[in-house]
Amino acid sequence: MTDLSIVIPARNEIFLLKTIQDILEHKEGDTEIIAVFDGAWANPPIPVHKDVAIVYHSQSIGQRAACNEAVRLSRAKYVMKVDAHCAFDKSFDVKMMADMQDDWTFLPVMKNLHAFDWVCPNGHRRYQGKSGSCTECGEPTERDVVWIAKPSPNSTSYCFDNTLHFQYFGEYKKKQVGDLVESMSIQGSCFMVTRDKWWELELCDEKHGS
């Protein structure tokens, strides 16, 4: 029986294939992936794999509904919601399940992902961001995927400021001691709960919209 189902809602996500490949490369346990194509087929396409299930909707149903559909298909004890542009540590799944407690919402340390550079024919590189001509020579650029987890920040706490802008909560982070710490916030790109808790807590309550 599968121990963990990783659910990935995806709509026009250019890094979905890379994210799935990264999970397959780094998972160690009996972990499956359930990806929901929300309104369009994946491009590039996702190859057939025994640990990957695909759900396709020709019309978008929204992220919450897509997540809930994937969780309904799961028979695993644990479910993990993941964004379609993430990289993972080796054996991340078994490491998290080993420490997991059933009443937790459990999330890994978050680093920033250097996903790609813009590169021109002359070899000039520009860090990921808006597309456009090379800022050094004016030549057109193409996306070169590098997929590197940056060494910092190692984020474990987040907040909004008084203008409702997302911030890393450094003041609270200073109070956290040890490898497993309590956080009063969640960034949302990756978190794990038991399948029962998913429904009990209504983590993707569709009454709030898509």
N, C-alpha and C. Protein backbone atom coordinates (compact mmCIF):
# COMPACT_ATOMS: atom_id res chain seq x y z
N MET A 1 0.84 -1.20 0.00
CA MET A 1 0.00 0.00 0.00
C MET A 1 0.87 1.25 0.00
N THR A 2 0.48 2.23 -0.78
CA THR A 2 1.23 3.48 -0.86
C THR A 2 1.21 4.21 0.48
N ASP A 3 2.37 4.73 0.88
CA ASP A 3 2.47 5.47 2.14
C ASP A 3 2.15 6.94 1.98
N LEU A 4 2.54 7.50 0.83
CA LEU A 4 2.41 8.95 0.62
C LEU A 4 1.95 9.22 -0.80
N SER A 5 0.93 10.07 -0.93
CA SER A 5 0.50 10.57 -2.23
C SER A 5 0.86 12.04 -2.33
N ILE A 6 1.64 12.38 -3.34
CA ILE A 6 1.99 13.78 -3.60
C ILE A 6 1.04 14.32 -4.66
N VAL A 7 0.26 15.33 -4.30
CA VAL A 7 -0.74 15.87 -5.22
C VAL A 7 -0.22 17.19 -5.79
N ILE A 8 -0.32 17.31 -7.11
CA ILE A 8 0.20 18.49 -7.79
C ILE A 8 -0.89 19.05 -8.70
N PRO A 9 -1.50 20.17 -8.33
CA PRO A 9 -2.41 20.85 -9.26
C PRO A 9 -1.59 21.64 -10.26
N ALA A 10 -1.94 21.55 -11.53
CA ALA A 10 -1.09 22.19 -12.54
C ALA A 10 -1.94 22.77 -13.67
N ARG A 11 -1.73 24.03 -13.93
CA ARG A 11 -2.38 24.70 -15.06
C ARG A 11 -1.34 25.53 -15.79
N ASN A 12 -0.98 25.08 -16.99
CA ASN A 12 0.03 25.76 -17.81
C ASN A 12 1.34 25.94 -17.05
N GLU A 13 1.78 24.88 -16.39
CA GLU A 13 3.01 24.92 -15.59
C GLU A 13 4.18 24.38 -16.41
N ILE A 14 5.11 25.25 -16.78
CA ILE A 14 6.20 24.84 -17.66
C ILE A 14 7.21 23.94 -16.96
N PHE A 15 7.22 23.93 -15.62
CA PHE A 15 8.19 23.12 -14.89
C PHE A 15 7.56 21.87 -14.26
N LEU A 16 6.36 21.50 -14.67
CA LEU A 16 5.71 20.32 -14.10
C LEU A 16 6.53 19.06 -14.34
N LEU A 17 6.98 18.84 -15.57
CA LEU A 17 7.78 17.65 -15.87
C LEU A 17 9.04 17.63 -15.02
N LYS A 18 9.73 18.75 -14.92
CA LYS A 18 10.96 18.80 -14.12
C LYS A 18 10.67 18.51 -12.65
N THR A 19 9.56 19.02 -12.14
CA THR A 19 9.18 18.76 -10.75
C THR A 19 8.91 17.28 -10.53
N ILE A 20 8.16 16.65 -11.43
CA ILE A 20 7.86 15.22 -11.31
C ILE A 20 9.14 14.40 -11.40
N GLN A 21 10.01 14.73 -12.34
CA GLN A 21 11.29 14.01 -12.45
C GLN A 21 12.11 14.15 -11.18
N ASP A 22 12.09 15.33 -10.58
CA ASP A 22 12.86 15.56 -9.35
C ASP A 22 12.30 14.72 -8.20
N ILE A 23 10.99 14.63 -8.09
CA ILE A 23 10.38 13.79 -7.05
C ILE A 23 10.77 12.34 -7.25
N LEU A 24 10.64 11.84 -8.48
CA LEU A 24 10.95 10.44 -8.75
C LEU A 24 12.42 10.13 -8.47
N GLU A 25 13.29 11.09 -8.75
CA GLU A 25 14.72 10.89 -8.52
C GLU A 25 15.07 10.86 -7.04
N HIS A 26 14.35 11.63 -6.23
CA HIS A 26 14.76 11.81 -4.84
C HIS A 26 13.89 11.08 -3.82
N LYS A 27 12.74 10.57 -4.22
CA LYS A 27 11.92 9.82 -3.27
C LYS A 27 12.56 8.47 -2.99
N GLU A 28 12.30 7.95 -1.81
CA GLU A 28 12.85 6.65 -1.42
C GLU A 28 11.76 5.67 -1.01
N GLY A 29 10.66 6.16 -0.48
CA GLY A 29 9.61 5.30 0.04
C GLY A 29 8.58 4.92 -1.01
N ASP A 30 7.50 4.31 -0.53
CA ASP A 30 6.39 3.93 -1.41
C ASP A 30 5.51 5.16 -1.61
N THR A 31 5.98 6.01 -2.50
CA THR A 31 5.38 7.33 -2.71
C THR A 31 4.90 7.44 -4.15
N GLU A 32 3.68 7.92 -4.32
CA GLU A 32 3.12 8.12 -5.65
C GLU A 32 2.88 9.61 -5.90
N ILE A 33 2.72 9.95 -7.17
CA ILE A 33 2.40 11.31 -7.59
C ILE A 33 1.05 11.29 -8.28
N ILE A 34 0.17 12.20 -7.89
CA ILE A 34 -1.11 12.38 -8.58
C ILE A 34 -1.14 13.82 -9.09
N ALA A 35 -0.99 13.99 -10.39
CA ALA A 35 -0.96 15.33 -10.99
C ALA A 35 -2.29 15.59 -11.69
N VAL A 36 -2.84 16.76 -11.47
CA VAL A 36 -4.11 17.14 -12.09
C VAL A 36 -3.84 18.24 -13.11
N PHE A 37 -4.08 17.91 -14.39
CA PHE A 37 -3.93 18.90 -15.47
C PHE A 37 -5.22 19.72 -15.51
N ASP A 38 -5.15 20.94 -15.06
CA ASP A 38 -6.34 21.75 -14.84
C ASP A 38 -6.60 22.68 -16.02
N GLY A 39 -7.17 22.13 -17.08
CA GLY A 39 -7.55 22.94 -18.23
C GLY A 39 -6.67 22.79 -19.45
N ALA A 40 -5.56 22.06 -19.34
CA ALA A 40 -4.67 21.88 -20.49
C ALA A 40 -3.74 20.70 -20.23
N TRP A 41 -3.34 20.03 -21.30
CA TRP A 41 -2.34 18.97 -21.18
C TRP A 41 -0.99 19.59 -20.83
N ALA A 42 -0.15 18.81 -20.19
CA ALA A 42 1.18 19.28 -19.82
C ALA A 42 2.04 19.48 -21.06
N ASN A 43 2.83 20.53 -21.06
CA ASN A 43 3.78 20.80 -22.13
C ASN A 43 5.07 21.33 -21.51
N PRO A 44 6.15 20.51 -21.51
CA PRO A 44 6.30 19.22 -22.18
C PRO A 44 5.47 18.11 -21.53
N PRO A 45 5.17 17.05 -22.31
CA PRO A 45 4.32 15.98 -21.80
C PRO A 45 5.00 15.16 -20.70
N ILE A 46 4.18 14.47 -19.90
CA ILE A 46 4.67 13.65 -18.80
C ILE A 46 4.72 12.20 -19.26
N PRO A 47 5.90 11.56 -19.27
CA PRO A 47 5.99 10.16 -19.69
C PRO A 47 5.24 9.24 -18.73
N VAL A 48 4.83 8.10 -19.24
CA VAL A 48 4.17 7.09 -18.42
C VAL A 48 5.15 6.56 -17.37
N HIS A 49 4.70 6.47 -16.13
CA HIS A 49 5.52 5.93 -15.04
C HIS A 49 4.59 5.27 -14.04
N LYS A 50 5.02 4.15 -13.48
CA LYS A 50 4.16 3.38 -12.58
C LYS A 50 3.79 4.14 -11.32
N ASP A 51 4.57 5.14 -10.95
CA ASP A 51 4.30 5.89 -9.72
C ASP A 51 3.66 7.25 -9.98
N VAL A 52 3.21 7.46 -11.22
CA VAL A 52 2.61 8.75 -11.58
C VAL A 52 1.22 8.52 -12.16
N ALA A 53 0.22 9.14 -11.54
CA ALA A 53 -1.15 9.11 -12.06
C ALA A 53 -1.52 10.50 -12.56
N ILE A 54 -2.24 10.54 -13.66
CA ILE A 54 -2.60 11.80 -14.30
C ILE A 54 -4.13 11.92 -14.35
N VAL A 55 -4.63 13.09 -13.99
CA VAL A 55 -6.04 13.44 -14.16
C VAL A 55 -6.09 14.65 -15.08
N TYR A 56 -6.94 14.59 -16.11
CA TYR A 56 -7.02 15.69 -17.08
C TYR A 56 -8.41 16.29 -17.10
N HIS A 57 -8.47 17.62 -17.06
CA HIS A 57 -9.72 18.36 -17.24
C HIS A 57 -9.54 19.31 -18.41
N SER A 58 -10.43 19.24 -19.38
CA SER A 58 -10.35 20.14 -20.52
C SER A 58 -10.72 21.57 -20.14
N GLN A 59 -11.55 21.71 -19.09
CA GLN A 59 -11.90 23.02 -18.56
C GLN A 59 -11.38 23.12 -17.12
N SER A 60 -10.83 24.25 -16.78
CA SER A 60 -10.25 24.42 -15.45
C SER A 60 -11.31 24.30 -14.36
N ILE A 61 -10.98 23.57 -13.29
CA ILE A 61 -11.87 23.45 -12.14
C ILE A 61 -11.32 24.22 -10.94
N GLY A 62 -10.11 24.74 -11.03
CA GLY A 62 -9.51 25.51 -9.95
C GLY A 62 -8.59 24.66 -9.08
N GLN A 63 -7.65 25.35 -8.41
CA GLN A 63 -6.61 24.64 -7.66
C GLN A 63 -7.19 23.84 -6.49
N ARG A 64 -8.11 24.42 -5.74
CA ARG A 64 -8.65 23.69 -4.59
C ARG A 64 -9.38 22.43 -5.02
N ALA A 65 -10.23 22.55 -6.03
CA ALA A 65 -10.96 21.38 -6.52
C ALA A 65 -10.01 20.34 -7.08
N ALA A 66 -8.96 20.78 -7.76
CA ALA A 66 -7.98 19.84 -8.32
C ALA A 66 -7.27 19.08 -7.20
N CYS A 67 -6.87 19.79 -6.15
CA CYS A 67 -6.22 19.13 -5.02
C CYS A 67 -7.16 18.12 -4.37
N ASN A 68 -8.40 18.52 -4.14
CA ASN A 68 -9.35 17.62 -3.50
C ASN A 68 -9.62 16.38 -4.34
N GLU A 69 -9.69 16.55 -5.65
CA GLU A 69 -9.89 15.39 -6.52
C GLU A 69 -8.73 14.42 -6.39
N ALA A 70 -7.51 14.94 -6.37
CA ALA A 70 -6.34 14.08 -6.24
C ALA A 70 -6.35 13.35 -4.90
N VAL A 71 -6.71 14.05 -3.82
CA VAL A 71 -6.73 13.41 -2.50
C VAL A 71 -7.82 12.34 -2.44
N ARG A 72 -8.93 12.55 -3.11
CA ARG A 72 -9.98 11.51 -3.15
C ARG A 72 -9.49 10.25 -3.85
N LEU A 73 -8.57 10.39 -4.78
CA LEU A 73 -8.02 9.22 -5.48
C LEU A 73 -6.97 8.50 -4.65
N SER A 74 -6.41 9.18 -3.66
CA SER A 74 -5.35 8.60 -2.84
C SER A 74 -5.90 7.55 -1.89
N ARG A 75 -5.08 6.53 -1.64
CA ARG A 75 -5.36 5.54 -0.60
C ARG A 75 -4.22 5.51 0.42
N ALA A 76 -3.35 6.49 0.35
CA ALA A 76 -2.19 6.54 1.24
C ALA A 76 -2.59 7.12 2.60
N LYS A 77 -1.77 6.85 3.60
CA LYS A 77 -2.00 7.45 4.91
C LYS A 77 -1.73 8.94 4.88
N TYR A 78 -0.67 9.34 4.15
CA TYR A 78 -0.26 10.74 4.11
C TYR A 78 -0.48 11.32 2.72
N VAL A 79 -0.80 12.61 2.68
CA VAL A 79 -0.85 13.33 1.41
C VAL A 79 0.01 14.59 1.54
N MET A 80 0.65 14.94 0.45
CA MET A 80 1.51 16.12 0.40
C MET A 80 1.10 16.96 -0.80
N LYS A 81 0.71 18.20 -0.56
CA LYS A 81 0.41 19.11 -1.66
C LYS A 81 1.70 19.82 -2.06
N VAL A 82 1.98 19.84 -3.36
CA VAL A 82 3.22 20.41 -3.86
C VAL A 82 2.92 21.30 -5.07
N ASP A 83 3.56 22.44 -5.14
CA ASP A 83 3.48 23.28 -6.33
C ASP A 83 4.23 22.61 -7.48
N ALA A 84 3.91 23.02 -8.70
CA ALA A 84 4.48 22.38 -9.89
C ALA A 84 5.79 23.02 -10.32
N HIS A 85 6.56 23.53 -9.37
CA HIS A 85 7.87 24.13 -9.67
C HIS A 85 8.74 24.02 -8.42
N CYS A 86 8.98 22.77 -7.99
CA CYS A 86 9.72 22.52 -6.75
C CYS A 86 10.80 21.47 -6.95
N ALA A 87 11.86 21.57 -6.16
CA ALA A 87 12.93 20.58 -6.11
C ALA A 87 13.01 20.03 -4.69
N PHE A 88 13.62 18.84 -4.54
CA PHE A 88 13.53 18.12 -3.28
C PHE A 88 14.88 17.54 -2.86
N ASP A 89 15.01 17.34 -1.55
CA ASP A 89 16.18 16.71 -0.96
C ASP A 89 16.11 15.20 -1.19
N LYS A 90 17.26 14.54 -1.16
CA LYS A 90 17.30 13.09 -1.27
C LYS A 90 16.54 12.46 -0.10
N SER A 91 15.67 11.51 -0.41
CA SER A 91 14.89 10.77 0.60
C SER A 91 13.97 11.67 1.40
N PHE A 92 13.55 12.77 0.81
CA PHE A 92 12.70 13.73 1.53
C PHE A 92 11.44 13.08 2.08
N ASP A 93 10.89 12.12 1.34
CA ASP A 93 9.61 11.53 1.76
C ASP A 93 9.75 10.69 3.02
N VAL A 94 10.75 9.81 3.05
CA VAL A 94 10.91 8.95 4.22
C VAL A 94 11.42 9.75 5.42
N LYS A 95 12.21 10.78 5.18
CA LYS A 95 12.67 11.63 6.28
C LYS A 95 11.48 12.31 6.96
N MET A 96 10.57 12.81 6.17
CA MET A 96 9.42 13.49 6.76
C MET A 96 8.46 12.52 7.42
N MET A 97 8.21 11.38 6.78
CA MET A 97 7.30 10.40 7.39
C MET A 97 7.86 9.82 8.68
N ALA A 98 9.18 9.73 8.78
CA ALA A 98 9.79 9.17 9.99
C ALA A 98 9.53 10.05 11.21
N ASP A 99 9.45 11.36 11.02
CA ASP A 99 9.24 12.28 12.13
C ASP A 99 7.78 12.72 12.29
N MET A 100 6.95 12.37 11.33
CA MET A 100 5.58 12.87 11.29
C MET A 100 4.75 12.40 12.48
N GLN A 101 3.92 13.29 12.99
CA GLN A 101 2.89 12.93 13.96
C GLN A 101 1.53 13.23 13.33
N ASP A 102 0.55 12.39 13.62
CA ASP A 102 -0.69 12.41 12.85
C ASP A 102 -1.53 13.67 13.03
N ASP A 103 -1.25 14.47 14.05
CA ASP A 103 -2.00 15.71 14.23
C ASP A 103 -1.22 16.93 13.75
N TRP A 104 -0.14 16.70 13.02
CA TRP A 104 0.67 17.79 12.51
C TRP A 104 0.27 18.17 11.08
N THR A 105 0.49 19.43 10.74
CA THR A 105 0.69 19.87 9.36
C THR A 105 2.19 20.10 9.24
N PHE A 106 2.84 19.28 8.41
CA PHE A 106 4.30 19.18 8.41
C PHE A 106 4.85 19.72 7.10
N LEU A 107 5.80 20.64 7.19
CA LEU A 107 6.38 21.19 5.97
C LEU A 107 7.90 21.23 6.08
N PRO A 108 8.57 21.09 4.95
CA PRO A 108 10.03 21.13 4.96
C PRO A 108 10.55 22.56 5.02
N VAL A 109 11.84 22.68 5.33
CA VAL A 109 12.50 23.97 5.19
C VAL A 109 12.41 24.41 3.73
N MET A 110 12.11 25.67 3.50
CA MET A 110 11.98 26.16 2.14
C MET A 110 13.23 26.94 1.74
N LYS A 111 13.77 26.57 0.59
CA LYS A 111 14.84 27.32 -0.04
C LYS A 111 14.30 27.93 -1.33
N ASN A 112 14.99 28.90 -1.87
CA ASN A 112 14.61 29.43 -3.18
C ASN A 112 15.18 28.55 -4.28
N LEU A 113 14.43 28.40 -5.35
CA LEU A 113 14.84 27.56 -6.48
C LEU A 113 15.33 28.43 -7.63
N HIS A 114 16.60 28.23 -7.99
CA HIS A 114 17.13 28.84 -9.22
C HIS A 114 16.76 27.90 -10.35
N ALA A 115 15.64 28.18 -10.99
CA ALA A 115 15.10 27.25 -11.99
C ALA A 115 15.75 27.41 -13.36
N PHE A 116 16.05 28.65 -13.76
CA PHE A 116 16.54 28.84 -15.13
C PHE A 116 17.29 30.16 -15.25
N ASP A 117 18.02 30.26 -16.35
CA ASP A 117 18.63 31.52 -16.79
C ASP A 117 18.12 31.83 -18.20
N TRP A 118 18.17 33.09 -18.57
CA TRP A 118 17.98 33.48 -19.97
C TRP A 118 19.36 33.57 -20.61
N VAL A 119 19.53 32.90 -21.76
CA VAL A 119 20.84 32.82 -22.41
C VAL A 119 20.70 33.24 -23.87
N CYS A 120 21.62 34.08 -24.33
CA CYS A 120 21.62 34.52 -25.73
C CYS A 120 22.64 33.72 -26.53
N PRO A 121 22.63 33.81 -27.87
CA PRO A 121 23.59 33.06 -28.69
C PRO A 121 25.04 33.38 -28.38
N ASN A 122 25.31 34.54 -27.81
CA ASN A 122 26.68 34.92 -27.47
C ASN A 122 27.12 34.42 -26.09
N GLY A 123 26.23 33.69 -25.42
CA GLY A 123 26.59 33.09 -24.14
C GLY A 123 26.36 33.96 -22.92
N HIS A 124 25.79 35.13 -23.12
CA HIS A 124 25.49 35.98 -21.96
C HIS A 124 24.30 35.40 -21.19
N ARG A 125 24.42 35.36 -19.87
CA ARG A 125 23.37 34.79 -19.02
C ARG A 125 22.73 35.88 -18.16
N ARG A 126 21.42 35.73 -18.00
CA ARG A 126 20.67 36.62 -17.10
C ARG A 126 19.82 35.75 -16.19
N TYR A 127 19.89 36.03 -14.88
CA TYR A 127 19.15 35.26 -13.88
C TYR A 127 17.66 35.28 -14.18
N GLN A 128 16.99 34.20 -13.85
CA GLN A 128 15.57 34.03 -14.11
C GLN A 128 14.76 35.28 -13.78
N GLY A 129 13.76 35.51 -14.58
CA GLY A 129 12.92 36.69 -14.43
C GLY A 129 12.15 36.89 -15.72
N LYS A 130 11.85 38.13 -16.03
CA LYS A 130 11.08 38.42 -17.24
C LYS A 130 11.89 38.08 -18.49
N SER A 131 11.17 37.61 -19.51
CA SER A 131 11.82 37.34 -20.79
C SER A 131 12.19 38.66 -21.46
N GLY A 132 12.96 38.54 -22.54
CA GLY A 132 13.36 39.74 -23.27
C GLY A 132 14.75 39.57 -23.86
N SER A 133 15.14 40.51 -24.66
CA SER A 133 16.44 40.47 -25.31
C SER A 133 17.56 40.57 -24.29
N CYS A 134 18.74 40.10 -24.71
CA CYS A 134 19.92 40.16 -23.85
C CYS A 134 20.22 41.61 -23.49
N THR A 135 20.45 41.86 -22.22
CA THR A 135 20.72 43.23 -21.77
C THR A 135 22.14 43.68 -22.11
N GLU A 136 22.99 42.72 -22.53
CA GLU A 136 24.38 43.07 -22.87
C GLU A 136 24.58 43.30 -24.36
N CYS A 137 23.90 42.49 -25.20
CA CYS A 137 24.15 42.60 -26.64
C CYS A 137 22.88 42.78 -27.47
N GLY A 138 21.72 42.65 -26.85
CA GLY A 138 20.47 42.86 -27.57
C GLY A 138 19.96 41.67 -28.35
N GLU A 139 20.69 40.55 -28.32
CA GLU A 139 20.25 39.35 -29.04
C GLU A 139 19.08 38.69 -28.30
N PRO A 140 18.27 37.90 -29.04
CA PRO A 140 17.17 37.18 -28.37
C PRO A 140 17.72 36.14 -27.39
N THR A 141 16.93 35.80 -26.41
CA THR A 141 17.36 34.84 -25.38
C THR A 141 16.43 33.63 -25.35
N GLU A 142 16.97 32.53 -24.86
CA GLU A 142 16.19 31.32 -24.64
C GLU A 142 16.37 30.88 -23.19
N ARG A 143 15.35 30.20 -22.67
CA ARG A 143 15.39 29.72 -21.29
C ARG A 143 16.28 28.49 -21.18
N ASP A 144 17.24 28.52 -20.26
CA ASP A 144 18.12 27.39 -19.98
C ASP A 144 17.85 26.93 -18.55
N VAL A 145 17.26 25.74 -18.40
CA VAL A 145 16.89 25.24 -17.09
C VAL A 145 18.13 24.75 -16.35
N VAL A 146 18.36 25.27 -15.14
CA VAL A 146 19.52 24.88 -14.34
C VAL A 146 19.11 24.10 -13.08
N TRP A 147 17.97 24.44 -12.49
CA TRP A 147 17.33 23.67 -11.40
C TRP A 147 18.26 23.47 -10.21
N ILE A 148 18.60 24.57 -9.57
CA ILE A 148 19.52 24.55 -8.43
C ILE A 148 18.81 25.11 -7.19
N ALA A 149 18.81 24.33 -6.11
CA ALA A 149 18.29 24.83 -4.84
C ALA A 149 19.33 25.77 -4.23
N LYS A 150 18.96 27.02 -4.03
CA LYS A 150 19.90 28.00 -3.48
C LYS A 150 20.13 27.72 -1.99
N PRO A 151 21.32 28.01 -1.48
CA PRO A 151 21.64 27.70 -0.08
C PRO A 151 20.85 28.51 0.94
N SER A 152 20.29 29.63 0.51
CA SER A 152 19.51 30.44 1.43
C SER A 152 18.42 31.16 0.63
N PRO A 153 17.34 31.59 1.27
CA PRO A 153 17.09 31.45 2.71
C PRO A 153 16.65 30.04 3.07
N ASN A 154 16.83 29.67 4.33
CA ASN A 154 16.29 28.43 4.87
C ASN A 154 15.07 28.82 5.70
N SER A 155 13.95 28.93 5.04
CA SER A 155 12.79 29.59 5.63
C SER A 155 11.92 28.62 6.41
N THR A 156 11.54 29.02 7.62
CA THR A 156 10.66 28.22 8.47
C THR A 156 9.51 29.02 9.04
N SER A 157 9.43 30.31 8.72
CA SER A 157 8.36 31.12 9.27
C SER A 157 8.09 32.31 8.36
N TYR A 158 6.82 32.68 8.26
CA TYR A 158 6.40 33.70 7.31
C TYR A 158 5.35 34.59 7.95
N CYS A 159 5.15 35.77 7.37
CA CYS A 159 4.11 36.67 7.89
C CYS A 159 3.74 37.67 6.80
N PHE A 160 2.71 38.45 7.07
CA PHE A 160 2.37 39.60 6.24
C PHE A 160 2.68 40.87 7.03
N ASP A 161 3.17 41.88 6.34
CA ASP A 161 3.39 43.16 7.02
C ASP A 161 2.08 43.95 7.07
N ASN A 162 2.14 45.19 7.55
CA ASN A 162 0.90 45.95 7.73
C ASN A 162 0.30 46.45 6.43
N THR A 163 0.98 46.17 5.30
CA THR A 163 0.39 46.46 3.99
C THR A 163 0.03 45.17 3.26
N LEU A 164 0.00 44.06 4.01
CA LEU A 164 -0.38 42.74 3.49
C LEU A 164 0.57 42.23 2.42
N HIS A 165 1.85 42.58 2.53
CA HIS A 165 2.87 42.01 1.66
C HIS A 165 3.55 40.84 2.39
N PHE A 166 3.74 39.75 1.66
CA PHE A 166 4.38 38.56 2.21
C PHE A 166 5.80 38.87 2.65
N GLN A 167 6.20 38.36 3.82
CA GLN A 167 7.54 38.57 4.35
C GLN A 167 8.06 37.29 4.99
N TYR A 168 9.38 37.12 4.97
CA TYR A 168 10.00 36.10 5.81
C TYR A 168 10.03 36.63 7.24
N PHE A 169 9.60 35.80 8.20
CA PHE A 169 9.40 36.25 9.58
C PHE A 169 10.66 35.95 10.39
N GLY A 170 11.70 36.76 10.18
CA GLY A 170 12.98 36.53 10.83
C GLY A 170 12.93 36.64 12.34
N GLU A 171 12.10 37.53 12.85
CA GLU A 171 12.00 37.71 14.31
C GLU A 171 11.50 36.44 14.98
N TYR A 172 10.50 35.80 14.37
CA TYR A 172 9.98 34.55 14.94
C TYR A 172 10.98 33.41 14.75
N LYS A 173 11.65 33.40 13.60
CA LYS A 173 12.62 32.34 13.31
C LYS A 173 13.73 32.29 14.37
N LYS A 174 14.11 33.45 14.91
CA LYS A 174 15.16 33.49 15.92
C LYS A 174 14.76 32.75 17.20
N LYS A 175 13.47 32.59 17.42
CA LYS A 175 12.97 31.91 18.62
C LYS A 175 12.89 30.39 18.42
N GLN A 176 13.03 29.94 17.18
CA GLN A 176 12.92 28.51 16.90
C GLN A 176 14.24 27.82 17.18
N VAL A 177 14.19 26.71 17.92
CA VAL A 177 15.40 25.99 18.31
C VAL A 177 15.26 24.53 17.89
N GLY A 178 16.28 23.99 17.20
CA GLY A 178 16.28 22.59 16.82
C GLY A 178 15.92 22.38 15.36
N ASP A 179 15.90 21.10 14.97
CA ASP A 179 15.61 20.75 13.59
C ASP A 179 14.11 20.71 13.30
N LEU A 180 13.31 20.32 14.30
CA LEU A 180 11.86 20.31 14.18
C LEU A 180 11.31 21.45 15.01
N VAL A 181 10.69 22.42 14.36
CA VAL A 181 10.24 23.62 15.07
C VAL A 181 8.78 23.89 14.75
N GLU A 182 8.13 24.57 15.67
CA GLU A 182 6.76 24.99 15.44
C GLU A 182 6.76 26.29 14.66
N SER A 183 5.89 26.36 13.67
CA SER A 183 5.74 27.58 12.89
C SER A 183 4.27 27.97 12.91
N MET A 184 4.00 29.24 13.08
CA MET A 184 2.62 29.71 13.11
C MET A 184 2.13 30.12 11.73
N SER A 185 2.85 29.72 10.69
CA SER A 185 2.49 30.13 9.34
C SER A 185 2.92 29.06 8.36
N ILE A 186 2.37 29.15 7.15
CA ILE A 186 2.71 28.19 6.10
C ILE A 186 2.75 28.93 4.78
N GLN A 187 3.78 28.67 4.00
CA GLN A 187 3.94 29.36 2.72
C GLN A 187 3.11 28.69 1.62
N GLY A 188 2.89 27.39 1.72
CA GLY A 188 1.91 26.73 0.87
C GLY A 188 2.44 25.93 -0.30
N SER A 189 3.73 26.06 -0.63
CA SER A 189 4.24 25.35 -1.80
C SER A 189 4.43 23.86 -1.55
N CYS A 190 4.59 23.47 -0.28
CA CYS A 190 4.76 22.05 0.06
C CYS A 190 4.38 21.84 1.52
N PHE A 191 3.41 20.96 1.75
CA PHE A 191 3.07 20.59 3.12
C PHE A 191 2.45 19.19 3.12
N MET A 192 2.58 18.51 4.26
CA MET A 192 2.10 17.13 4.38
C MET A 192 1.19 17.00 5.60
N VAL A 193 0.11 16.25 5.43
CA VAL A 193 -0.81 15.91 6.51
C VAL A 193 -1.27 14.47 6.29
N THR A 194 -1.94 13.91 7.29
CA THR A 194 -2.61 12.64 7.03
C THR A 194 -3.80 12.91 6.10
N ARG A 195 -4.20 11.88 5.38
CA ARG A 195 -5.35 12.05 4.49
C ARG A 195 -6.61 12.40 5.29
N ASP A 196 -6.75 11.81 6.47
CA ASP A 196 -7.91 12.13 7.31
C ASP A 196 -7.91 13.60 7.73
N LYS A 197 -6.72 14.12 8.09
CA LYS A 197 -6.62 15.52 8.50
C LYS A 197 -6.92 16.48 7.34
N TRP A 198 -6.57 16.06 6.13
CA TRP A 198 -6.86 16.90 4.96
C TRP A 198 -8.34 17.27 4.94
N TRP A 199 -9.18 16.25 5.15
CA TRP A 199 -10.63 16.49 5.11
C TRP A 199 -11.13 17.13 6.40
N GLU A 200 -10.59 16.71 7.53
CA GLU A 200 -11.03 17.27 8.81
C GLU A 200 -10.78 18.77 8.88
N LEU A 201 -9.63 19.21 8.40
CA LEU A 201 -9.26 20.63 8.46
C LEU A 201 -9.76 21.43 7.26
N GLU A 202 -10.35 20.74 6.29
CA GLU A 202 -10.85 21.40 5.07
C GLU A 202 -9.77 22.29 4.45
N LEU A 203 -8.62 21.67 4.21
CA LEU A 203 -7.45 22.45 3.78
C LEU A 203 -7.64 23.09 2.41
N CYS A 204 -8.48 22.50 1.58
CA CYS A 204 -8.80 23.13 0.29
C CYS A 204 -10.31 23.29 0.19
N ASP A 205 -10.86 24.08 1.10
CA ASP A 205 -12.30 24.31 1.17
C ASP A 205 -12.75 25.06 -0.08
N GLU A 206 -13.53 24.41 -0.92
CA GLU A 206 -13.94 25.00 -2.19
C GLU A 206 -14.97 26.10 -2.03
N LYS A 207 -15.52 26.26 -0.84
CA LYS A 207 -16.47 27.36 -0.61
C LYS A 207 -15.76 28.72 -0.68
N HIS A 208 -14.43 28.71 -0.56
CA HIS A 208 -13.67 29.96 -0.65
C HIS A 208 -13.36 30.33 -2.10
N GLY A 209 -13.78 29.51 -3.05
CA GLY A 209 -13.50 29.77 -4.45
C GLY A 209 -12.44 28.84 -4.98
N SER A 210 -11.95 29.14 -6.17
CA SER A 210 -11.02 28.23 -6.84
C SER A 210 -9.58 28.47 -6.41
